[in-house]
Structure formats: C-alpha cells, structure tokens
Amino acid sequence: MLNATTRAGAAQRIKDGAIPEQVAAELGVSRSTLYRELRKHREGAAAEPVGQEG
C-alpha cells in the first residue's frame, strides 16, 4: 500500500502523461495496486472540504 503523499505524486505523474505501468514499476507495485491506490486518492480528494474556514 502507498501513503497519501506517494499516491498524490503518482496521480500527478499520470496526469502529466506518465505511463501507469511505468509508474507502478517504479513504485514496486502491480498495475492493479496502483489503480486501487489512485482510486483511494480520488475518493480522499473528493471528501476533503474545500474553502472551509473555521
């Protein structure tokens, strides 16, 4: 499993055009694990409140 920082970095690299298989290999995980972790990243980003002031 990847930590939040690594997930965010992987997501950004793929968004910038990196090949998912290459990113997965560099992180030492399978492609399916990478996609699972990217899904966690997307779900976590969607759950964060934006612009909320306390």
PDB file of N, CA and C in Angstrom:
ATOM      1  N   MET A   1       0.836  -1.185   0.000  1.00  0.00           N
ATOM      2  CA  MET A   1       0.000   0.000   0.000  1.00  0.00           C
ATOM      3  C   MET A   1       0.880   1.248   0.000  1.00  0.00           C
ATOM      4  N   LEU A   2       0.359   2.287  -0.577  1.00  0.00           N
ATOM      5  CA  LEU A   2       1.097   3.537  -0.698  1.00  0.00           C
ATOM      6  C   LEU A   2       0.557   4.555   0.305  1.00  0.00           C
ATOM      7  N   ASN A   3       1.422   5.460   0.722  1.00  0.00           N
ATOM      8  CA  ASN A   3       0.942   6.524   1.607  1.00  0.00           C
ATOM      9  C   ASN A   3       0.320   7.637   0.766  1.00  0.00           C
ATOM     10  N   ALA A   4      -0.324   8.581   1.447  1.00  0.00           N
ATOM     11  CA  ALA A   4      -1.063   9.636   0.749  1.00  0.00           C
ATOM     12  C   ALA A   4      -0.159  10.476  -0.150  1.00  0.00           C
ATOM     13  N   THR A   5       1.051  10.746   0.308  1.00  0.00           N
ATOM     14  CA  THR A   5       1.975  11.563  -0.482  1.00  0.00           C
ATOM     15  C   THR A   5       2.387  10.837  -1.757  1.00  0.00           C
ATOM     16  N   THR A   6       2.671   9.555  -1.637  1.00  0.00           N
ATOM     17  CA  THR A   6       3.064   8.766  -2.802  1.00  0.00           C
ATOM     18  C   THR A   6       1.908   8.624  -3.777  1.00  0.00           C
ATOM     19  N   ARG A   7       0.693   8.426  -3.246  1.00  0.00           N
ATOM     20  CA  ARG A   7      -0.496   8.353  -4.109  1.00  0.00           C
ATOM     21  C   ARG A   7      -0.678   9.645  -4.881  1.00  0.00           C
ATOM     22  N   ALA A   8      -0.536  10.782  -4.195  1.00  0.00           N
ATOM     23  CA  ALA A   8      -0.706  12.075  -4.855  1.00  0.00           C
ATOM     24  C   ALA A   8       0.346  12.272  -5.936  1.00  0.00           C
ATOM     25  N   GLY A   9       1.579  11.894  -5.643  1.00  0.00           N
ATOM     26  CA  GLY A   9       2.650  12.022  -6.628  1.00  0.00           C
ATOM     27  C   GLY A   9       2.414  11.147  -7.844  1.00  0.00           C
ATOM     28  N   ALA A  10       1.966   9.924  -7.611  1.00  0.00           N
ATOM     29  CA  ALA A  10       1.679   9.019  -8.721  1.00  0.00           C
ATOM     30  C   ALA A  10       0.538   9.555  -9.571  1.00  0.00           C
ATOM     31  N   ALA A  11      -0.498  10.063  -8.919  1.00  0.00           N
ATOM     32  CA  ALA A  11      -1.632  10.626  -9.653  1.00  0.00           C
ATOM     33  C   ALA A  11      -1.184  11.800 -10.513  1.00  0.00           C
ATOM     34  N   GLN A  12      -0.342  12.651  -9.967  1.00  0.00           N
ATOM     35  CA  GLN A  12       0.140  13.816 -10.715  1.00  0.00           C
ATOM     36  C   GLN A  12       1.000  13.385 -11.902  1.00  0.00           C
ATOM     37  N   ARG A  13       1.854  12.392 -11.690  1.00  0.00           N
ATOM     38  CA  ARG A  13       2.709  11.916 -12.788  1.00  0.00           C
ATOM     39  C   ARG A  13       1.873  11.366 -13.929  1.00  0.00           C
ATOM     40  N   ILE A  14       0.831  10.606 -13.595  1.00  0.00           N
ATOM     41  CA  ILE A  14      -0.025  10.042 -14.628  1.00  0.00           C
ATOM     42  C   ILE A  14      -0.800  11.164 -15.327  1.00  0.00           C
ATOM     43  N   LYS A  15      -1.275  12.133 -14.555  1.00  0.00           N
ATOM     44  CA  LYS A  15      -1.969  13.287 -15.136  1.00  0.00           C
ATOM     45  C   LYS A  15      -1.056  14.030 -16.103  1.00  0.00           C
ATOM     46  N   ASP A  16       0.249  14.076 -15.779  1.00  0.00           N
ATOM     47  CA  ASP A  16       1.220  14.762 -16.622  1.00  0.00           C
ATOM     48  C   ASP A  16       1.658  13.934 -17.829  1.00  0.00           C
ATOM     49  N   GLY A  17       1.135  12.695 -17.938  1.00  0.00           N
ATOM     50  CA  GLY A  17       1.405  11.899 -19.121  1.00  0.00           C
ATOM     51  C   GLY A  17       2.246  10.659 -18.924  1.00  0.00           C
ATOM     52  N   ALA A  18       2.633  10.355 -17.696  1.00  0.00           N
ATOM     53  CA  ALA A  18       3.424   9.148 -17.454  1.00  0.00           C
ATOM     54  C   ALA A  18       2.570   7.902 -17.705  1.00  0.00           C
ATOM     55  N   ILE A  19       3.210   6.841 -18.095  1.00  0.00           N
ATOM     56  CA  ILE A  19       2.535   5.575 -18.360  1.00  0.00           C
ATOM     57  C   ILE A  19       2.293   4.867 -17.020  1.00  0.00           C
ATOM     58  N   PRO A  20       1.034   4.504 -16.726  1.00  0.00           N
ATOM     59  CA  PRO A  20       0.737   3.879 -15.431  1.00  0.00           C
ATOM     60  C   PRO A  20       1.595   2.643 -15.122  1.00  0.00           C
ATOM     61  N   GLU A  21       1.848   1.825 -16.122  1.00  0.00           N
ATOM     62  CA  GLU A  21       2.666   0.635 -15.898  1.00  0.00           C
ATOM     63  C   GLU A  21       4.074   1.015 -15.433  1.00  0.00           C
ATOM     64  N   GLN A  22       4.613   2.090 -15.992  1.00  0.00           N
ATOM     65  CA  GLN A  22       5.946   2.543 -15.615  1.00  0.00           C
ATOM     66  C   GLN A  22       5.942   3.093 -14.193  1.00  0.00           C
ATOM     67  N   VAL A  23       4.928   3.880 -13.855  1.00  0.00           N
ATOM     68  CA  VAL A  23       4.815   4.432 -12.504  1.00  0.00           C
ATOM     69  C   VAL A  23       4.709   3.288 -11.492  1.00  0.00           C
ATOM     70  N   ALA A  24       3.882   2.299 -11.799  1.00  0.00           N
ATOM     71  CA  ALA A  24       3.715   1.155 -10.902  1.00  0.00           C
ATOM     72  C   ALA A  24       5.044   0.432 -10.700  1.00  0.00           C
ATOM     73  N   ALA A  25       5.779   0.206 -11.782  1.00  0.00           N
ATOM     74  CA  ALA A  25       7.062  -0.492 -11.679  1.00  0.00           C
ATOM     75  C   ALA A  25       8.047   0.303 -10.840  1.00  0.00           C
ATOM     76  N   GLU A  26       8.080   1.614 -11.010  1.00  0.00           N
ATOM     77  CA  GLU A  26       8.998   2.440 -10.235  1.00  0.00           C
ATOM     78  C   GLU A  26       8.648   2.443  -8.751  1.00  0.00           C
ATOM     79  N   LEU A  27       7.356   2.299  -8.443  1.00  0.00           N
ATOM     80  CA  LEU A  27       6.929   2.260  -7.046  1.00  0.00           C
ATOM     81  C   LEU A  27       7.006   0.856  -6.454  1.00  0.00           C
ATOM     82  N   GLY A  28       7.242  -0.126  -7.301  1.00  0.00           N
ATOM     83  CA  GLY A  28       7.362  -1.501  -6.830  1.00  0.00           C
ATOM     84  C   GLY A  28       6.026  -2.149  -6.505  1.00  0.00           C
ATOM     85  N   VAL A  29       4.971  -1.714  -7.222  1.00  0.00           N
ATOM     86  CA  VAL A  29       3.646  -2.301  -7.026  1.00  0.00           C
ATOM     87  C   VAL A  29       3.109  -2.760  -8.373  1.00  0.00           C
ATOM     88  N   SER A  30       2.069  -3.588  -8.319  1.00  0.00           N
ATOM     89  CA  SER A  30       1.452  -4.028  -9.564  1.00  0.00           C
ATOM     90  C   SER A  30       0.573  -2.917 -10.121  1.00  0.00           C
ATOM     91  N   ARG A  31       0.222  -3.054 -11.375  1.00  0.00           N
ATOM     92  CA  ARG A  31      -0.635  -2.062 -12.006  1.00  0.00           C
ATOM     93  C   ARG A  31      -1.992  -2.004 -11.308  1.00  0.00           C
ATOM     94  N   SER A  32      -2.539  -3.168 -10.941  1.00  0.00           N
ATOM     95  CA  SER A  32      -3.837  -3.171 -10.260  1.00  0.00           C
ATOM     96  C   SER A  32      -3.756  -2.492  -8.898  1.00  0.00           C
ATOM     97  N   THR A  33      -2.638  -2.669  -8.188  1.00  0.00           N
ATOM     98  CA  THR A  33      -2.457  -1.977  -6.908  1.00  0.00           C
ATOM     99  C   THR A  33      -2.384  -0.480  -7.126  1.00  0.00           C
ATOM    100  N   LEU A  34      -1.678  -0.053  -8.153  1.00  0.00           N
ATOM    101  CA  LEU A  34      -1.583   1.373  -8.454  1.00  0.00           C
ATOM    102  C   LEU A  34      -2.972   1.954  -8.710  1.00  0.00           C
ATOM    103  N   TYR A  35      -3.781   1.286  -9.538  1.00  0.00           N
ATOM    104  CA  TYR A  35      -5.116   1.788  -9.824  1.00  0.00           C
ATOM    105  C   TYR A  35      -5.984   1.831  -8.569  1.00  0.00           C
ATOM    106  N   ARG A  36      -5.844   0.834  -7.693  1.00  0.00           N
ATOM    107  CA  ARG A  36      -6.595   0.819  -6.434  1.00  0.00           C
ATOM    108  C   ARG A  36      -6.195   2.010  -5.569  1.00  0.00           C
ATOM    109  N   GLU A  37      -4.900   2.273  -5.497  1.00  0.00           N
ATOM    110  CA  GLU A  37      -4.411   3.391  -4.700  1.00  0.00           C
ATOM    111  C   GLU A  37      -4.834   4.741  -5.309  1.00  0.00           C
ATOM    112  N   LEU A  38      -4.859   4.831  -6.629  1.00  0.00           N
ATOM    113  CA  LEU A  38      -5.307   6.060  -7.279  1.00  0.00           C
ATOM    114  C   LEU A  38      -6.789   6.304  -7.001  1.00  0.00           C
ATOM    115  N   ARG A  39      -7.564   5.224  -6.925  1.00  0.00           N
ATOM    116  CA  ARG A  39      -8.981   5.369  -6.586  1.00  0.00           C
ATOM    117  C   ARG A  39      -9.112   5.921  -5.167  1.00  0.00           C
ATOM    118  N   LYS A  40      -8.296   5.421  -4.231  1.00  0.00           N
ATOM    119  CA  LYS A  40      -8.303   5.940  -2.863  1.00  0.00           C
ATOM    120  C   LYS A  40      -7.964   7.435  -2.868  1.00  0.00           C
ATOM    121  N   HIS A  41      -6.998   7.805  -3.694  1.00  0.00           N
ATOM    122  CA  HIS A  41      -6.592   9.212  -3.782  1.00  0.00           C
ATOM    123  C   HIS A  41      -7.753  10.074  -4.264  1.00  0.00           C
ATOM    124  N   ARG A  42      -8.435   9.624  -5.320  1.00  0.00           N
ATOM    125  CA  ARG A  42      -9.572  10.385  -5.843  1.00  0.00           C
ATOM    126  C   ARG A  42     -10.691  10.494  -4.809  1.00  0.00           C
ATOM    127  N   GLU A  43     -10.988   9.401  -4.121  1.00  0.00           N
ATOM    128  CA  GLU A  43     -12.041   9.410  -3.112  1.00  0.00           C
ATOM    129  C   GLU A  43     -11.665  10.318  -1.943  1.00  0.00           C
ATOM    130  N   GLY A  44     -10.396  10.298  -1.560  1.00  0.00           N
ATOM    131  CA  GLY A  44      -9.939  11.149  -0.468  1.00  0.00           C
ATOM    132  C   GLY A  44      -9.987  12.617  -0.843  1.00  0.00           C
ATOM    133  N   ALA A  45      -9.627  12.916  -2.065  1.00  0.00           N
ATOM    134  CA  ALA A  45      -9.651  14.309  -2.530  1.00  0.00           C
ATOM    135  C   ALA A  45     -11.083  14.813  -2.610  1.00  0.00           C
ATOM    136  N   ALA A  46     -12.011  13.954  -2.987  1.00  0.00           N
ATOM    137  CA  ALA A  46     -13.413  14.357  -3.093  1.00  0.00           C
ATOM    138  C   ALA A  46     -14.022  14.576  -1.711  1.00  0.00           C
ATOM    139  N   ALA A  47     -13.494  13.908  -0.690  1.00  0.00           N
ATOM    140  CA  ALA A  47     -14.050  14.005   0.655  1.00  0.00           C
ATOM    141  C   ALA A  47     -13.535  15.218   1.422  1.00  0.00           C
ATOM    142  N   GLU A  48     -12.419  15.799   0.974  1.00  0.00           N
ATOM    143  CA  GLU A  48     -11.839  16.945   1.686  1.00  0.00           C
ATOM    144  C   GLU A  48     -12.683  18.177   1.473  1.00  0.00           C
ATOM    145  N   PRO A  49     -12.997  18.878   2.551  1.00  0.00           N
ATOM    146  CA  PRO A  49     -13.738  20.136   2.390  1.00  0.00           C
ATOM    147  C   PRO A  49     -12.864  21.185   1.724  1.00  0.00           C
ATOM    148  N   VAL A  50     -13.430  21.935   0.796  1.00  0.00           N
ATOM    149  CA  VAL A  50     -12.693  22.944   0.064  1.00  0.00           C
ATOM    150  C   VAL A  50     -13.169  24.329   0.504  1.00  0.00           C
ATOM    151  N   GLY A  51     -12.231  25.177   0.885  1.00  0.00           N
ATOM    152  CA  GLY A  51     -12.561  26.541   1.230  1.00  0.00           C
ATOM    153  C   GLY A  51     -13.315  26.700   2.535  1.00  0.00           C
ATOM    154  N   GLN A  52     -13.257  25.686   3.372  1.00  0.00           N
ATOM    155  CA  GLN A  52     -13.962  25.761   4.638  1.00  0.00           C
ATOM    156  C   GLN A  52     -13.104  26.521   5.643  1.00  0.00           C
ATOM    157  N   GLU A  53     -13.671  27.534   6.261  1.00  0.00           N
ATOM    158  CA  GLU A  53     -12.963  28.334   7.253  1.00  0.00           C
ATOM    159  C   GLU A  53     -13.553  28.070   8.615  1.00  0.00           C
ATOM    160  N   GLY A  54     -12.690  28.042   9.636  1.00  0.00           N
ATOM    161  CA  GLY A  54     -13.181  27.713  10.945  1.00  0.00           C
ATOM    162  C   GLY A  54     -13.069  28.823  11.847  1.00  0.00           C
TER     163      GLY A  54
END
